[in-house]
């Protein structure tokens, strides 16, 4: 009796760099019939990687380079689990998926939501946040506006690559928290602390008090790893300049949880994708 050949595992390119991406990689590693490649941009010196799948570190060379990679590696599906603010990578993934026919899913954790007592100043972009900081005047202890021109003390948690946007501001004093040391053009009045989350409310409250912070600047990253600073700011009555997320590429399905992403992958048809089929026909 002829034993039917076991189908080759479906190869999945998982664009990671978030806690959700790592958890999805671990979840999928237990699934039979999936070959997971976890990809990182390589911007963090000591990245956290899942132990249960192959890891790729480095860029692709834009949408065309990513499309070439999908064809060369015979990728059957792709999940974009990058940071919610990695707009360029998400756009490249959408363009490459459209060019190759490889199914693409975005895994994007929910953003944060204001609660009673919050004082959020929402802005559409990081340049808009920098402009608001440049005009910001700290409140006096009695809650009234301070003197015009008074130097604010600002806690920046937008990431080391965005510090250059504040480099021409000489009035504010900045406290920036990064995973790796920042490089390039930096604000003249800057103190940097190196730390990786998760952070707790007690620690964040002590940090804000110790440095006499007047305002917090952050991206609407969502999740629990760094949310404690928002609770600390609320408890201390501090304003938070919140940068809104960029839009995701139109027409690409999006889920907000690891379980839903795993279900999407396991429910895909077992036939090769359009891009894989074209590669087979041309070989």
Protein backbone atom coordinates (compact mmCIF):
# COMPACT_ATOMS: atom_id res chain seq x y z
CA UNK A 1 0.00 0.00 0.00
CA UNK A 2 1.31 3.45 -0.94
CA UNK A 3 1.53 5.85 1.95
CA UNK A 4 0.50 9.36 0.89
CA UNK A 5 3.24 11.94 1.21
CA UNK A 6 2.91 14.27 4.15
CA UNK A 7 2.23 17.83 2.94
CA UNK A 8 5.07 20.29 3.39
CA UNK A 9 4.54 22.66 6.30
CA UNK A 10 3.16 26.07 5.46
CA UNK A 11 5.86 28.69 5.88
CA UNK A 12 4.82 31.79 7.82
CA UNK A 13 6.81 35.02 7.98
CA UNK A 14 6.05 36.70 11.29
CA UNK A 15 7.18 40.33 11.40
CA UNK A 16 7.76 40.72 15.13
CA UNK A 17 9.19 43.06 17.70
CA UNK A 18 6.25 43.14 20.14
CA UNK A 19 5.12 40.99 23.04
CA UNK A 20 2.12 39.90 20.96
CA UNK A 21 4.45 38.80 18.16
CA UNK A 22 6.54 36.71 20.53
CA UNK A 23 3.46 35.09 22.09
CA UNK A 24 2.05 34.32 18.65
CA UNK A 25 5.34 32.68 17.63
CA UNK A 26 5.28 30.48 20.73
CA UNK A 27 1.62 29.59 20.13
CA UNK A 28 2.18 28.68 16.48
CA UNK A 29 5.27 26.60 17.26
CA UNK A 30 2.95 24.04 18.86
CA UNK A 31 0.84 23.81 15.70
CA UNK A 32 1.64 20.95 13.34
CA UNK A 33 2.17 21.90 9.74
CA UNK A 34 3.53 25.41 10.29
CA UNK A 35 7.11 26.59 9.75
CA UNK A 36 7.51 29.94 11.53
CA UNK A 37 10.20 32.49 10.66
CA UNK A 38 10.31 35.34 13.20
CA UNK A 39 11.73 38.52 11.68
CA UNK A 40 13.14 41.53 13.54
CA UNK A 41 14.37 44.83 12.14
CA UNK A 42 17.52 44.72 14.27
CA UNK A 43 17.16 48.16 15.85
CA UNK A 44 17.40 46.87 19.43
CA UNK A 45 20.82 45.73 20.57
CA UNK A 46 19.61 42.76 22.66
CA UNK A 47 16.17 41.83 21.29
CA UNK A 48 13.81 39.44 23.03
CA UNK A 49 13.21 36.52 20.68
CA UNK A 50 10.94 33.48 20.94
CA UNK A 51 12.88 30.27 21.67
CA UNK A 52 10.79 28.01 19.49
CA UNK A 53 11.24 29.17 15.89
CA UNK A 54 13.79 30.40 13.40
CA UNK A 55 14.78 34.04 13.81
CA UNK A 56 15.77 36.46 11.06
CA UNK A 57 17.29 39.86 11.91
CA UNK A 58 17.66 42.73 9.46
CA UNK A 59 15.76 44.74 6.89
CA UNK A 60 14.43 43.63 3.52
CA UNK A 61 15.22 46.63 1.35
CA UNK A 62 11.76 48.12 1.05
CA UNK A 63 8.58 46.66 -0.45
CA UNK A 64 10.34 45.24 -3.53
CA UNK A 65 12.98 43.54 -1.40
CA UNK A 66 10.33 42.07 0.87
CA UNK A 67 8.39 40.79 -2.14
CA UNK A 68 11.56 39.15 -3.46
CA UNK A 69 12.09 37.54 -0.06
CA UNK A 70 8.53 36.17 0.01
CA UNK A 71 9.07 34.55 -3.38
CA UNK A 72 12.58 33.26 -2.70
CA UNK A 73 11.65 31.76 0.68
CA UNK A 74 8.30 30.45 -0.60
CA UNK A 75 6.35 32.16 2.16
CA UNK A 76 2.72 31.03 2.33
CA UNK A 77 1.41 33.66 4.77
CA UNK A 78 2.65 36.76 6.56
CA UNK A 79 1.66 38.35 9.88
CA UNK A 80 2.58 41.95 10.66
CA UNK A 81 3.01 42.01 14.44
CA UNK A 82 5.32 45.01 14.46
CA UNK A 83 4.89 48.02 16.72
CA UNK A 84 1.68 50.02 16.08
CA UNK A 85 3.89 52.96 15.06
CA UNK A 86 6.02 50.97 12.57
CA UNK A 87 4.04 52.52 9.73
CA UNK A 88 6.77 52.17 7.11
CA UNK A 89 7.18 48.44 7.75
CA UNK A 90 3.42 47.89 7.69
CA UNK A 91 3.14 49.74 4.37
CA UNK A 92 5.99 47.66 2.92
CA UNK A 93 4.32 44.44 4.07
CA UNK A 94 1.00 45.46 2.47
CA UNK A 95 2.70 46.37 -0.82
CA UNK A 96 4.71 43.13 -0.88
CA UNK A 97 1.64 41.04 -0.10
CA UNK A 98 -0.29 42.73 -2.91
CA UNK A 99 2.57 42.13 -5.34
CA UNK A 100 2.95 38.43 -4.51
CA UNK A 101 -0.53 37.33 -3.48
CA UNK A 102 0.74 36.18 -0.08
CA UNK A 103 -2.04 36.50 2.53
CA UNK A 104 -1.29 39.20 5.11
CA UNK A 105 -2.75 39.80 8.58
CA UNK A 106 -2.06 42.70 10.94
CA UNK A 107 -1.87 41.87 14.65
CA UNK A 108 -2.27 45.20 16.44
CA UNK A 109 -3.00 45.40 20.16
CA UNK A 110 -5.73 47.83 21.23
CA UNK A 111 -4.73 51.39 22.03
CA UNK A 112 -5.12 53.05 25.41
CA UNK A 113 -8.31 54.80 26.49
CA UNK A 114 -8.74 57.78 28.77
CA UNK A 115 -10.18 57.22 32.23
CA UNK A 116 -11.78 59.65 34.68
CA UNK A 117 -9.08 61.94 36.03
CA UNK A 118 -6.83 61.72 32.96
CA UNK A 119 -5.58 64.92 31.34
CA UNK A 120 -4.60 63.82 27.85
CA UNK A 121 -3.66 66.21 25.07
CA UNK A 122 -4.03 64.13 21.89
CA UNK A 123 -1.90 65.08 18.89
CA UNK A 124 -1.84 63.51 15.41
CA UNK A 125 1.93 63.09 15.09
CA UNK A 126 5.28 63.33 16.84
CA UNK A 127 6.11 66.70 15.22
CA UNK A 128 2.82 67.98 16.63
CA UNK A 129 3.84 66.65 20.06
CA UNK A 130 7.19 68.44 19.79
CA UNK A 131 5.39 71.68 18.88
CA UNK A 132 3.08 71.36 21.88
CA UNK A 133 6.02 70.72 24.22
CA UNK A 134 7.77 73.81 22.85
CA UNK A 135 4.74 75.91 23.84
CA UNK A 136 3.99 74.11 27.11
CA UNK A 137 3.92 76.04 30.39
CA UNK A 138 3.88 74.05 33.64
CA UNK A 139 1.00 74.59 36.04
CA UNK A 140 1.63 76.18 39.42
CA UNK A 141 1.00 74.16 42.61
CA UNK A 142 -2.40 75.87 42.93
CA UNK A 143 -3.41 74.47 39.53
CA UNK A 144 -3.24 77.75 37.64
CA UNK A 145 -1.01 78.35 34.64
CA UNK A 146 2.62 79.10 35.36
CA UNK A 147 4.65 82.05 34.13
CA UNK A 148 5.09 82.26 30.33
CA UNK A 149 8.52 80.98 29.34
CA UNK A 150 8.91 78.82 32.44
CA UNK A 151 10.91 75.72 31.58
CA UNK A 152 8.89 72.49 31.79
CA UNK A 153 10.34 69.16 32.90
CA UNK A 154 9.15 66.57 30.42
CA UNK A 155 9.24 62.76 30.54
CA UNK A 156 9.77 61.46 26.98
CA UNK A 157 8.82 57.82 26.34
CA UNK A 158 8.53 57.92 22.55
CA UNK A 159 11.68 55.91 21.80
CA UNK A 160 15.30 56.84 21.16
CA UNK A 161 14.90 57.32 17.40
CA UNK A 162 12.43 60.18 17.93
CA UNK A 163 14.55 62.33 20.24
CA UNK A 164 15.93 64.33 17.31
CA UNK A 165 12.49 65.94 16.91
CA UNK A 166 13.07 67.72 20.23
CA UNK A 167 16.73 68.60 19.59
CA UNK A 168 16.14 72.29 18.82
CA UNK A 169 14.26 72.92 22.08
CA UNK A 170 16.48 74.70 24.62
CA UNK A 171 13.82 75.65 27.18
CA UNK A 172 12.46 72.25 28.38
CA UNK A 173 14.43 69.77 30.44
CA UNK A 174 13.87 66.22 29.18
CA UNK A 175 14.01 62.85 30.87
CA UNK A 176 14.04 60.12 28.21
CA UNK A 177 13.70 56.40 28.85
CA UNK A 178 15.09 54.04 26.19
CA UNK A 179 16.05 50.39 25.86
CA UNK A 180 19.36 51.27 24.14
CA UNK A 181 21.44 54.47 24.35
CA UNK A 182 20.28 57.14 21.90
CA UNK A 183 22.53 58.45 19.14
CA UNK A 184 22.44 61.36 16.71
CA UNK A 185 21.16 64.85 17.42
CA UNK A 186 19.70 65.14 20.93
CA UNK A 187 18.04 67.85 23.03
CA UNK A 188 20.63 69.99 24.88
CA UNK A 189 18.96 69.51 28.28
CA UNK A 190 18.52 65.75 28.37
CA UNK A 191 18.91 62.99 30.93
CA UNK A 192 18.62 59.40 29.67
CA UNK A 193 17.71 56.33 31.69
CA UNK A 194 18.04 52.87 30.15
CA UNK A 195 15.32 50.40 31.09
CA UNK A 196 13.05 47.80 29.57
CA UNK A 197 9.47 47.18 30.74
CA UNK A 198 7.25 46.05 32.25
CA UNK A 199 7.00 48.93 34.71
CA UNK A 200 4.71 49.21 37.74
CA UNK A 201 2.71 52.13 39.10
CA UNK A 202 4.77 52.52 42.28
CA UNK A 203 8.01 52.75 40.33
CA UNK A 204 6.59 55.14 37.75
CA UNK A 205 5.11 57.39 40.46
CA UNK A 206 8.45 57.53 42.28
CA UNK A 207 10.25 58.34 39.01
CA UNK A 208 7.90 61.21 38.13
CA UNK A 209 8.15 62.66 41.63
CA UNK A 210 11.92 62.30 41.91
CA UNK A 211 12.47 64.21 38.68
CA UNK A 212 9.66 66.74 39.34
CA UNK A 213 8.07 65.97 35.97
CA UNK A 214 5.51 68.46 34.64
CA UNK A 215 4.25 66.49 31.61
CA UNK A 216 4.56 63.08 29.98
CA UNK A 217 4.92 62.54 26.23
CA UNK A 218 4.12 59.10 24.85
CA UNK A 219 2.78 57.26 21.83
CA UNK A 220 -0.55 55.44 21.99
CA UNK A 221 1.26 52.10 21.93
CA UNK A 222 -1.33 50.21 23.98
CA UNK A 223 -0.65 47.09 26.03
CA UNK A 224 0.33 46.61 29.66
CA UNK A 225 4.15 46.78 29.48
CA UNK A 226 4.34 50.58 29.79
CA UNK A 227 0.80 51.57 30.79
CA UNK A 228 1.74 52.20 34.44
CA UNK A 229 3.08 55.67 33.61
CA UNK A 230 -0.44 56.70 32.59
CA UNK A 231 -1.84 55.67 35.97
CA UNK A 232 1.00 57.46 37.74
CA UNK A 233 0.40 60.63 35.71
CA UNK A 234 -3.33 60.48 36.50
CA UNK A 235 -2.68 60.05 40.23
CA UNK A 236 -0.25 63.00 40.22
CA UNK A 237 -2.50 65.21 38.08
CA UNK A 238 0.04 65.47 35.26
CA UNK A 239 -0.91 66.11 31.63
CA UNK A 240 -0.06 63.46 29.05
CA UNK A 241 0.69 64.43 25.47
CA UNK A 242 -0.59 61.37 23.61
CA UNK A 243 0.47 60.77 20.01
CA UNK A 244 -2.26 59.08 17.96
CA UNK A 245 -1.47 55.95 16.00
CA UNK A 246 -0.88 56.07 12.26
CA UNK A 247 -3.54 54.43 10.10
CA UNK A 248 -3.02 50.82 9.08
CA UNK A 249 -2.86 49.96 5.35
CA UNK A 250 -6.35 49.85 3.83
CA UNK A 251 -7.82 46.50 2.88
CA UNK A 252 -5.59 44.40 5.15
CA UNK A 253 -7.43 42.31 7.77
CA UNK A 254 -6.61 43.23 11.36
CA UNK A 255 -7.01 41.43 14.67
CA UNK A 256 -6.17 42.64 18.17
CA UNK A 257 -5.38 39.35 19.92
CA UNK A 258 -2.94 36.46 19.62
CA UNK A 259 -5.71 33.83 19.65
CA UNK A 260 -7.50 35.48 16.71
CA UNK A 261 -4.25 35.69 14.75
CA UNK A 262 -3.51 32.01 15.36
CA UNK A 263 -7.03 31.10 14.23
CA UNK A 264 -6.60 33.13 11.02
CA UNK A 265 -3.40 31.27 10.18
CA UNK A 266 -4.66 27.79 10.93
CA UNK A 267 -7.84 28.47 8.94
CA UNK A 268 -5.98 29.42 5.76
CA UNK A 269 -6.38 27.00 2.83
CA UNK A 270 -3.57 24.52 2.42
CA UNK A 271 -3.07 25.29 -1.27
CA UNK A 272 -0.05 27.44 -2.18
CA UNK A 273 -0.59 31.18 -2.30
CA UNK A 274 -0.70 33.02 -5.60
CA UNK A 275 2.88 34.15 -5.18
CA UNK A 276 4.09 30.63 -4.37
CA UNK A 277 2.16 29.17 -7.30
CA UNK A 278 3.72 31.70 -9.67
CA UNK A 279 7.14 30.73 -8.39
CA UNK A 280 6.42 27.05 -8.97
CA UNK A 281 5.21 27.72 -12.51
CA UNK A 282 8.34 29.70 -13.37
CA UNK A 283 10.78 27.16 -11.94
